[in-house]
Amino acid sequence: MKSTSPFYPQCLSSLKQSALFSGLDEDQLGNMLKGFRRQTWKKQTPIDVQTTSHFCVVTKGRVELVRTDYKTGRDLTVFLIGPGDAFDVITLLDSQAHDITPIALDQVDLLSIPISSVREWIQAHPAFNRNFLPYLGVQMRALEDLAADLALHDTVTRLGNLLTRHLSPQGPRRSGSRTDPVTLIHDLSHEELARMIGSVRVVVTRHIQQWKQEGLVSTRRKQLAIRDMNGILNHCQKISKP
């Protein structure tokens, strides 16, 4: 991206606010930004980016990274990311194809750059490398939590865990970016929530309807709000006991 581009100031500001690039001086960020290409994707469309060769940073909107079993047609959301987050970190590390489909949940703006350039940054920019390792740790922990949920808990407990991680009014901001976690799932459909817990829409709808009847949650215009956090936690613990 050229410094004369009308989008340059906005993109530079987005990088400054990203956990991956925070702390780098403006000259470094400017040199990095020269290698990026800006792209825009419409809401609810697959993002056609060659993740085997390009690394992407989201500057606006949310991206769902989905793994699909083409034999069964089942989908699982591996990551849900927002402004300041990046993909594909796994291909960056091992140079292998990553079987995921990025989907724009909103209108999405992103910056893409050849993965080879990012590997050079890790070597050439200690500040970027210091940011990259904690960011990688956050993603690994998220995968660990997902694997534990899928292996150890039933669907109602997985849904409760998802809501409490993202909708707690006192919950911490995500370490991987500066996106408030509430904004990541606040208006997702039941089908999209189901993909995040490895289930199907009808099951999620049933659980949420039951919680509404019990006064644990409320919904309005696709907005899901927790009215009784302890009630959901207690409900999940009771259901998951043998």
C-alpha atoms as a PDB file:
ATOM      1  CA  MET A   1       0.000   0.000   0.000  1.00  0.00           C
ATOM      2  CA  LYS A   2       1.330   3.385  -0.989  1.00  0.00           C
ATOM      3  CA  SER A   3       1.509   6.177   1.565  1.00  0.00           C
ATOM      4  CA  THR A   4      -0.536   8.311  -0.841  1.00  0.00           C
ATOM      5  CA  SER A   5      -3.508   5.913  -0.664  1.00  0.00           C
ATOM      6  CA  PRO A   6      -6.617   7.481   0.913  1.00  0.00           C
ATOM      7  CA  PHE A   7      -6.838   4.365   3.130  1.00  0.00           C
ATOM      8  CA  TYR A   8      -3.265   4.648   4.393  1.00  0.00           C
ATOM      9  CA  PRO A   9      -3.974   6.651   7.608  1.00  0.00           C
ATOM     10  CA  GLN A  10      -6.832   4.333   8.597  1.00  0.00           C
ATOM     11  CA  CYS A  11      -4.764   1.193   7.956  1.00  0.00           C
ATOM     12  CA  LEU A  12      -1.785   2.596   9.845  1.00  0.00           C
ATOM     13  CA  SER A  13      -4.048   3.363  12.792  1.00  0.00           C
ATOM     14  CA  SER A  14      -5.464  -0.184  12.675  1.00  0.00           C
ATOM     15  CA  LEU A  15      -1.981  -1.702  12.842  1.00  0.00           C
ATOM     16  CA  LYS A  16      -1.075   0.484  15.802  1.00  0.00           C
ATOM     17  CA  GLN A  17      -4.105  -0.869  17.676  1.00  0.00           C
ATOM     18  CA  SER A  18      -3.345  -4.507  16.846  1.00  0.00           C
ATOM     19  CA  ALA A  19      -1.685  -6.625  19.525  1.00  0.00           C
ATOM     20  CA  LEU A  20       0.670  -7.925  16.832  1.00  0.00           C
ATOM     21  CA  PHE A  21       1.989  -4.479  15.894  1.00  0.00           C
ATOM     22  CA  SER A  22       1.581  -2.389  19.035  1.00  0.00           C
ATOM     23  CA  GLY A  23       4.794  -0.854  20.282  1.00  0.00           C
ATOM     24  CA  LEU A  24       6.460  -0.693  16.884  1.00  0.00           C
ATOM     25  CA  ASP A  25       7.556   2.772  15.842  1.00  0.00           C
ATOM     26  CA  GLU A  26       5.779   4.529  13.002  1.00  0.00           C
ATOM     27  CA  ASP A  27       8.695   4.143  10.562  1.00  0.00           C
ATOM     28  CA  GLN A  28       8.661   0.379  11.044  1.00  0.00           C
ATOM     29  CA  LEU A  29       4.894   0.230  10.643  1.00  0.00           C
ATOM     30  CA  GLY A  30       5.098   2.395   7.524  1.00  0.00           C
ATOM     31  CA  ASN A  31       7.651   0.063   5.938  1.00  0.00           C
ATOM     32  CA  MET A  32       5.519  -2.950   6.809  1.00  0.00           C
ATOM     33  CA  LEU A  33       2.376  -1.347   5.453  1.00  0.00           C
ATOM     34  CA  LYS A  34       4.043  -0.911   2.063  1.00  0.00           C
ATOM     35  CA  GLY A  35       3.846  -4.672   1.565  1.00  0.00           C
ATOM     36  CA  PHE A  36       0.165  -4.980   2.449  1.00  0.00           C
ATOM     37  CA  ARG A  37      -2.749  -5.059   0.053  1.00  0.00           C
ATOM     38  CA  ARG A  38      -6.148  -3.842   1.286  1.00  0.00           C
ATOM     39  CA  GLN A  39      -9.230  -5.961   0.523  1.00  0.00           C
ATOM     40  CA  THR A  40     -12.934  -5.655   1.329  1.00  0.00           C
ATOM     41  CA  TRP A  41     -15.410  -8.531   1.580  1.00  0.00           C
ATOM     42  CA  LYS A  42     -19.186  -8.447   1.805  1.00  0.00           C
ATOM     43  CA  LYS A  43     -21.101  -9.782   4.785  1.00  0.00           C
ATOM     44  CA  GLN A  44     -21.723 -13.553   4.888  1.00  0.00           C
ATOM     45  CA  THR A  45     -19.329 -14.378   2.042  1.00  0.00           C
ATOM     46  CA  PRO A  46     -16.297 -16.691   1.986  1.00  0.00           C
ATOM     47  CA  ILE A  47     -13.037 -14.747   1.880  1.00  0.00           C
ATOM     48  CA  ASP A  48     -11.082 -15.852  -1.174  1.00  0.00           C
ATOM     49  CA  VAL A  49      -7.519 -15.499   0.080  1.00  0.00           C
ATOM     50  CA  GLN A  50      -4.715 -17.979  -0.567  1.00  0.00           C
ATOM     51  CA  THR A  51      -3.945 -18.766   3.079  1.00  0.00           C
ATOM     52  CA  THR A  52      -1.102 -21.042   1.967  1.00  0.00           C
ATOM     53  CA  SER A  53       0.801 -18.008   0.738  1.00  0.00           C
ATOM     54  CA  HIS A  54      -0.727 -14.949   2.409  1.00  0.00           C
ATOM     55  CA  PHE A  55      -1.070 -13.654   5.950  1.00  0.00           C
ATOM     56  CA  CYS A  56      -4.076 -11.439   6.707  1.00  0.00           C
ATOM     57  CA  VAL A  57      -4.812  -8.848   9.371  1.00  0.00           C
ATOM     58  CA  VAL A  58      -8.442  -7.868   9.980  1.00  0.00           C
ATOM     59  CA  THR A  59      -8.989  -4.112  10.271  1.00  0.00           C
ATOM     60  CA  LYS A  60     -12.797  -4.038  10.314  1.00  0.00           C
ATOM     61  CA  GLY A  61     -15.528  -6.587  10.992  1.00  0.00           C
ATOM     62  CA  ARG A  62     -15.455 -10.191  12.157  1.00  0.00           C
ATOM     63  CA  VAL A  63     -14.103 -13.284  10.423  1.00  0.00           C
ATOM     64  CA  GLU A  64     -15.149 -16.841  11.204  1.00  0.00           C
ATOM     65  CA  LEU A  65     -12.534 -19.502  10.467  1.00  0.00           C
ATOM     66  CA  VAL A  66     -14.484 -22.685   9.740  1.00  0.00           C
ATOM     67  CA  ARG A  67     -13.399 -26.306   9.392  1.00  0.00           C
ATOM     68  CA  THR A  68     -15.806 -28.486   7.364  1.00  0.00           C
ATOM     69  CA  ASP A  69     -16.229 -32.242   7.200  1.00  0.00           C
ATOM     70  CA  TYR A  70     -17.319 -32.657   3.592  1.00  0.00           C
ATOM     71  CA  LYS A  71     -18.570 -36.206   4.202  1.00  0.00           C
ATOM     72  CA  THR A  72     -21.113 -35.142   6.817  1.00  0.00           C
ATOM     73  CA  GLY A  73     -21.508 -31.470   5.964  1.00  0.00           C
ATOM     74  CA  ARG A  74     -20.833 -30.529   9.602  1.00  0.00           C
ATOM     75  CA  ASP A  75     -18.988 -27.287  10.338  1.00  0.00           C
ATOM     76  CA  LEU A  76     -16.896 -26.238  13.320  1.00  0.00           C
ATOM     77  CA  THR A  77     -15.741 -22.701  14.017  1.00  0.00           C
ATOM     78  CA  VAL A  78     -12.085 -23.000  14.946  1.00  0.00           C
ATOM     79  CA  PHE A  79     -11.559 -19.273  15.558  1.00  0.00           C
ATOM     80  CA  LEU A  80     -13.742 -16.179  15.616  1.00  0.00           C
ATOM     81  CA  ILE A  81     -11.577 -13.090  15.152  1.00  0.00           C
ATOM     82  CA  GLY A  82     -12.071  -9.337  14.936  1.00  0.00           C
ATOM     83  CA  PRO A  83     -10.147  -6.126  14.240  1.00  0.00           C
ATOM     84  CA  GLY A  84      -6.461  -6.465  15.034  1.00  0.00           C
ATOM     85  CA  ASP A  85      -6.470 -10.263  14.699  1.00  0.00           C
ATOM     86  CA  ALA A  86      -4.663 -12.205  11.999  1.00  0.00           C
ATOM     87  CA  PHE A  87      -4.824 -15.434  10.001  1.00  0.00           C
ATOM     88  CA  ASP A  88      -3.320 -17.792   8.927  1.00  0.00           C
ATOM     89  CA  VAL A  89      -0.859 -18.175  11.799  1.00  0.00           C
ATOM     90  CA  ILE A  90      -0.692 -21.982  11.471  1.00  0.00           C
ATOM     91  CA  THR A  91       0.474 -21.885   7.850  1.00  0.00           C
ATOM     92  CA  LEU A  92       2.940 -19.170   8.804  1.00  0.00           C
ATOM     93  CA  LEU A  93       4.500 -21.585  11.297  1.00  0.00           C
ATOM     94  CA  ASP A  94       4.623 -24.853   9.373  1.00  0.00           C
ATOM     95  CA  SER A  95       4.272 -23.843   5.674  1.00  0.00           C
ATOM     96  CA  GLN A  96       1.508 -26.441   5.257  1.00  0.00           C
ATOM     97  CA  ALA A  97      -1.981 -25.904   3.876  1.00  0.00           C
ATOM     98  CA  HIS A  98      -4.548 -25.160   6.580  1.00  0.00           C
ATOM     99  CA  ASP A  99      -7.968 -26.675   5.918  1.00  0.00           C
ATOM    100  CA  ILE A 100     -10.137 -23.722   6.950  1.00  0.00           C
ATOM    101  CA  THR A 101     -12.580 -21.407   5.212  1.00  0.00           C
ATOM    102  CA  PRO A 102     -12.564 -17.738   6.293  1.00  0.00           C
ATOM    103  CA  ILE A 103     -16.097 -16.281   6.259  1.00  0.00           C
ATOM    104  CA  ALA A 104     -16.944 -12.599   6.626  1.00  0.00           C
ATOM    105  CA  LEU A 105     -19.631 -12.253   9.301  1.00  0.00           C
ATOM    106  CA  ASP A 106     -19.839  -8.504   8.658  1.00  0.00           C
ATOM    107  CA  GLN A 107     -18.480  -6.333   5.910  1.00  0.00           C
ATOM    108  CA  VAL A 108     -14.802  -7.035   6.423  1.00  0.00           C
ATOM    109  CA  ASP A 109     -11.737  -4.984   5.610  1.00  0.00           C
ATOM    110  CA  LEU A 110      -8.417  -6.737   5.809  1.00  0.00           C
ATOM    111  CA  LEU A 111      -4.785  -6.337   4.880  1.00  0.00           C
ATOM    112  CA  SER A 112      -2.974  -9.239   3.193  1.00  0.00           C
ATOM    113  CA  ILE A 113       0.723  -9.773   2.649  1.00  0.00           C
ATOM    114  CA  PRO A 114       2.879 -12.716   1.496  1.00  0.00           C
ATOM    115  CA  ILE A 115       3.720 -15.021   4.396  1.00  0.00           C
ATOM    116  CA  SER A 116       7.394 -14.851   3.410  1.00  0.00           C
ATOM    117  CA  SER A 117       7.402 -11.164   4.374  1.00  0.00           C
ATOM    118  CA  VAL A 118       6.008 -11.933   7.839  1.00  0.00           C
ATOM    119  CA  ARG A 119       8.685 -14.575   8.401  1.00  0.00           C
ATOM    120  CA  GLU A 120      11.276 -11.909   7.596  1.00  0.00           C
ATOM    121  CA  TRP A 121       9.657  -9.559  10.146  1.00  0.00           C
ATOM    122  CA  ILE A 122       9.992 -12.193  12.872  1.00  0.00           C
ATOM    123  CA  GLN A 123      13.735 -12.223  12.226  1.00  0.00           C
ATOM    124  CA  ALA A 124      14.250  -8.531  11.538  1.00  0.00           C
ATOM    125  CA  HIS A 125      11.942  -6.825  14.059  1.00  0.00           C
ATOM    126  CA  PRO A 126      12.399  -7.935  17.692  1.00  0.00           C
ATOM    127  CA  ALA A 127       9.392  -5.835  18.760  1.00  0.00           C
ATOM    128  CA  PHE A 128       7.154  -7.715  16.317  1.00  0.00           C
ATOM    129  CA  ASN A 129       8.564 -11.042  17.485  1.00  0.00           C
ATOM    130  CA  ARG A 130       7.865 -10.117  21.129  1.00  0.00           C
ATOM    131  CA  ASN A 131       4.244  -9.451  20.178  1.00  0.00           C
ATOM    132  CA  PHE A 132       3.929 -12.528  17.994  1.00  0.00           C
ATOM    133  CA  LEU A 133       4.810 -15.115  20.643  1.00  0.00           C
ATOM    134  CA  PRO A 134       2.131 -14.021  23.187  1.00  0.00           C
ATOM    135  CA  TYR A 135      -0.389 -13.750  20.348  1.00  0.00           C
ATOM    136  CA  LEU A 136       0.430 -17.307  19.326  1.00  0.00           C
ATOM    137  CA  GLY A 137       0.015 -18.393  22.942  1.00  0.00           C
ATOM    138  CA  VAL A 138      -3.500 -16.905  23.048  1.00  0.00           C
ATOM    139  CA  GLN A 139      -4.501 -18.851  19.936  1.00  0.00           C
ATOM    140  CA  MET A 140      -3.040 -22.095  21.304  1.00  0.00           C
ATOM    141  CA  ARG A 141      -4.942 -21.639  24.547  1.00  0.00           C
ATOM    142  CA  ALA A 142      -8.158 -21.007  22.619  1.00  0.00           C
ATOM    143  CA  LEU A 143      -7.658 -24.262  20.700  1.00  0.00           C
ATOM    144  CA  GLU A 144      -6.987 -26.084  23.965  1.00  0.00           C
ATOM    145  CA  ASP A 145     -10.229 -24.726  25.442  1.00  0.00           C
ATOM    146  CA  LEU A 146     -12.152 -25.767  22.328  1.00  0.00           C
ATOM    147  CA  ALA A 147     -10.686 -29.289  22.380  1.00  0.00           C
ATOM    148  CA  ALA A 148     -11.470 -29.655  26.079  1.00  0.00           C
ATOM    149  CA  ASP A 149     -15.050 -28.497  25.592  1.00  0.00           C
ATOM    150  CA  LEU A 150     -15.645 -30.879  22.696  1.00  0.00           C
ATOM    151  CA  ALA A 151     -14.092 -33.861  24.494  1.00  0.00           C
ATOM    152  CA  LEU A 152     -15.305 -33.316  28.044  1.00  0.00           C
ATOM    153  CA  HIS A 153     -18.628 -31.480  27.999  1.00  0.00           C
ATOM    154  CA  ASP A 154     -22.133 -31.866  26.638  1.00  0.00           C
ATOM    155  CA  THR A 155     -23.701 -29.256  24.359  1.00  0.00           C
ATOM    156  CA  VAL A 156     -25.471 -27.251  27.055  1.00  0.00           C
ATOM    157  CA  THR A 157     -22.238 -26.899  29.032  1.00  0.00           C
ATOM    158  CA  ARG A 158     -20.315 -25.943  25.902  1.00  0.00           C
ATOM    159  CA  LEU A 159     -22.917 -23.283  25.115  1.00  0.00           C
ATOM    160  CA  GLY A 160     -22.772 -21.981  28.670  1.00  0.00           C
ATOM    161  CA  ASN A 161     -18.981 -21.817  28.519  1.00  0.00           C
ATOM    162  CA  LEU A 162     -19.145 -19.936  25.222  1.00  0.00           C
ATOM    163  CA  LEU A 163     -21.562 -17.347  26.579  1.00  0.00           C
ATOM    164  CA  THR A 164     -19.718 -16.803  29.834  1.00  0.00           C
ATOM    165  CA  ARG A 165     -16.409 -16.356  28.005  1.00  0.00           C
ATOM    166  CA  HIS A 166     -17.836 -13.758  25.658  1.00  0.00           C
ATOM    167  CA  LEU A 167     -20.777 -12.119  27.366  1.00  0.00           C
ATOM    168  CA  SER A 168     -19.570 -11.600  30.924  1.00  0.00           C
ATOM    169  CA  PRO A 169     -19.945  -7.878  31.680  1.00  0.00           C
ATOM    170  CA  GLN A 170     -16.892  -8.130  33.920  1.00  0.00           C
ATOM    171  CA  GLY A 171     -14.915 -10.354  31.558  1.00  0.00           C
ATOM    172  CA  PRO A 172     -11.408  -9.358  30.480  1.00  0.00           C
ATOM    173  CA  ARG A 173     -10.691  -8.031  27.033  1.00  0.00           C
ATOM    174  CA  ARG A 174      -9.133 -10.553  24.692  1.00  0.00           C
ATOM    175  CA  SER A 175      -5.374 -10.781  24.999  1.00  0.00           C
ATOM    176  CA  GLY A 176      -4.976 -11.418  21.282  1.00  0.00           C
ATOM    177  CA  SER A 177      -6.387  -8.079  20.196  1.00  0.00           C
ATOM    178  CA  ARG A 178      -8.045  -4.966  21.512  1.00  0.00           C
ATOM    179  CA  THR A 179     -11.513  -6.102  20.482  1.00  0.00           C
ATOM    180  CA  ASP A 180     -14.055  -6.207  23.279  1.00  0.00           C
ATOM    181  CA  PRO A 181     -15.183  -9.876  23.433  1.00  0.00           C
ATOM    182  CA  VAL A 182     -18.827  -8.850  23.744  1.00  0.00           C
ATOM    183  CA  THR A 183     -18.793  -7.500  20.209  1.00  0.00           C
ATOM    184  CA  LEU A 184     -17.680 -10.831  18.770  1.00  0.00           C
ATOM    185  CA  ILE A 185     -20.853 -12.875  19.408  1.00  0.00           C
ATOM    186  CA  HIS A 186     -23.478 -10.297  20.397  1.00  0.00           C
ATOM    187  CA  ASP A 187     -25.621 -10.714  17.259  1.00  0.00           C
ATOM    188  CA  LEU A 188     -24.717 -14.169  15.945  1.00  0.00           C
ATOM    189  CA  SER A 189     -27.476 -16.487  14.770  1.00  0.00           C
ATOM    190  CA  HIS A 190     -28.175 -19.757  16.544  1.00  0.00           C
ATOM    191  CA  GLU A 191     -26.605 -21.572  13.600  1.00  0.00           C
ATOM    192  CA  GLU A 192     -23.391 -19.571  13.974  1.00  0.00           C
ATOM    193  CA  LEU A 193     -23.327 -20.165  17.727  1.00  0.00           C
ATOM    194  CA  ALA A 194     -23.826 -23.877  17.039  1.00  0.00           C
ATOM    195  CA  ARG A 195     -20.756 -23.947  14.779  1.00  0.00           C
ATOM    196  CA  MET A 196     -18.713 -22.494  17.623  1.00  0.00           C
ATOM    197  CA  ILE A 197     -19.571 -25.393  19.965  1.00  0.00           C
ATOM    198  CA  GLY A 198     -19.640 -28.245  17.463  1.00  0.00           C
ATOM    199  CA  SER A 199     -23.423 -28.643  17.500  1.00  0.00           C
ATOM    200  CA  VAL A 200     -26.433 -27.819  15.317  1.00  0.00           C
ATOM    201  CA  ARG A 201     -28.903 -24.937  15.295  1.00  0.00           C
ATOM    202  CA  VAL A 202     -31.901 -26.831  16.675  1.00  0.00           C
ATOM    203  CA  VAL A 203     -29.956 -27.878  19.784  1.00  0.00           C
ATOM    204  CA  VAL A 204     -28.726 -24.349  20.498  1.00  0.00           C
ATOM    205  CA  THR A 205     -32.231 -22.950  19.991  1.00  0.00           C
ATOM    206  CA  ARG A 206     -33.659 -25.471  22.450  1.00  0.00           C
ATOM    207  CA  HIS A 207     -31.121 -24.609  25.139  1.00  0.00           C
ATOM    208  CA  ILE A 208     -31.583 -20.849  24.731  1.00  0.00           C
ATOM    209  CA  GLN A 209     -35.378 -21.160  24.819  1.00  0.00           C
ATOM    210  CA  GLN A 210     -35.138 -23.168  28.025  1.00  0.00           C
ATOM    211  CA  TRP A 211     -32.841 -20.548  29.581  1.00  0.00           C
ATOM    212  CA  LYS A 212     -35.248 -17.781  28.553  1.00  0.00           C
ATOM    213  CA  GLN A 213     -38.119 -19.594  30.276  1.00  0.00           C
ATOM    214  CA  GLU A 214     -36.002 -19.885  33.415  1.00  0.00           C
ATOM    215  CA  GLY A 215     -35.070 -16.193  33.285  1.00  0.00           C
ATOM    216  CA  LEU A 216     -31.361 -16.858  32.753  1.00  0.00           C
ATOM    217  CA  VAL A 217     -31.057 -15.015  29.409  1.00  0.00           C
ATOM    218  CA  SER A 218     -33.059 -12.581  27.328  1.00  0.00           C
ATOM    219  CA  THR A 219     -33.053 -11.841  23.597  1.00  0.00           C
ATOM    220  CA  ARG A 220     -34.061  -8.788  21.632  1.00  0.00           C
ATOM    221  CA  ARG A 221     -33.398  -8.100  17.956  1.00  0.00           C
ATOM    222  CA  LYS A 222     -30.757 -10.843  17.796  1.00  0.00           C
ATOM    223  CA  GLN A 223     -29.066  -9.431  20.897  1.00  0.00           C
ATOM    224  CA  LEU A 224     -28.425 -12.097  23.517  1.00  0.00           C
ATOM    225  CA  ALA A 225     -27.994 -10.920  27.115  1.00  0.00           C
ATOM    226  CA  ILE A 226     -27.214 -12.934  30.222  1.00  0.00           C
ATOM    227  CA  ARG A 227     -29.560 -12.015  33.077  1.00  0.00           C
ATOM    228  CA  ASP A 228     -28.239 -14.550  35.593  1.00  0.00           C
ATOM    229  CA  MET A 229     -24.610 -15.578  35.040  1.00  0.00           C
ATOM    230  CA  ASN A 230     -24.445 -17.712  38.180  1.00  0.00           C
ATOM    231  CA  GLY A 231     -27.667 -19.402  37.181  1.00  0.00           C
ATOM    232  CA  ILE A 232     -26.178 -20.486  33.842  1.00  0.00           C
ATOM    233  CA  LEU A 233     -23.000 -21.715  35.520  1.00  0.00           C
ATOM    234  CA  ASN A 234     -24.960 -23.665  38.113  1.00  0.00           C
ATOM    235  CA  HIS A 235     -27.282 -25.043  35.437  1.00  0.00           C
ATOM    236  CA  CYS A 236     -24.337 -26.273  33.351  1.00  0.00           C
ATOM    237  CA  GLN A 237     -22.614 -27.851  36.351  1.00  0.00           C
ATOM    238  CA  LYS A 238     -25.821 -29.632  37.340  1.00  0.00           C
ATOM    239  CA  ILE A 239     -26.435 -30.970  33.816  1.00  0.00           C
ATOM    240  CA  SER A 240     -22.836 -32.130  33.322  1.00  0.00           C
ATOM    241  CA  LYS A 241     -22.660 -34.126  36.563  1.00  0.00           C
ATOM    242  CA  PRO A 242     -22.776 -37.913  36.037  1.00  0.00           C
END
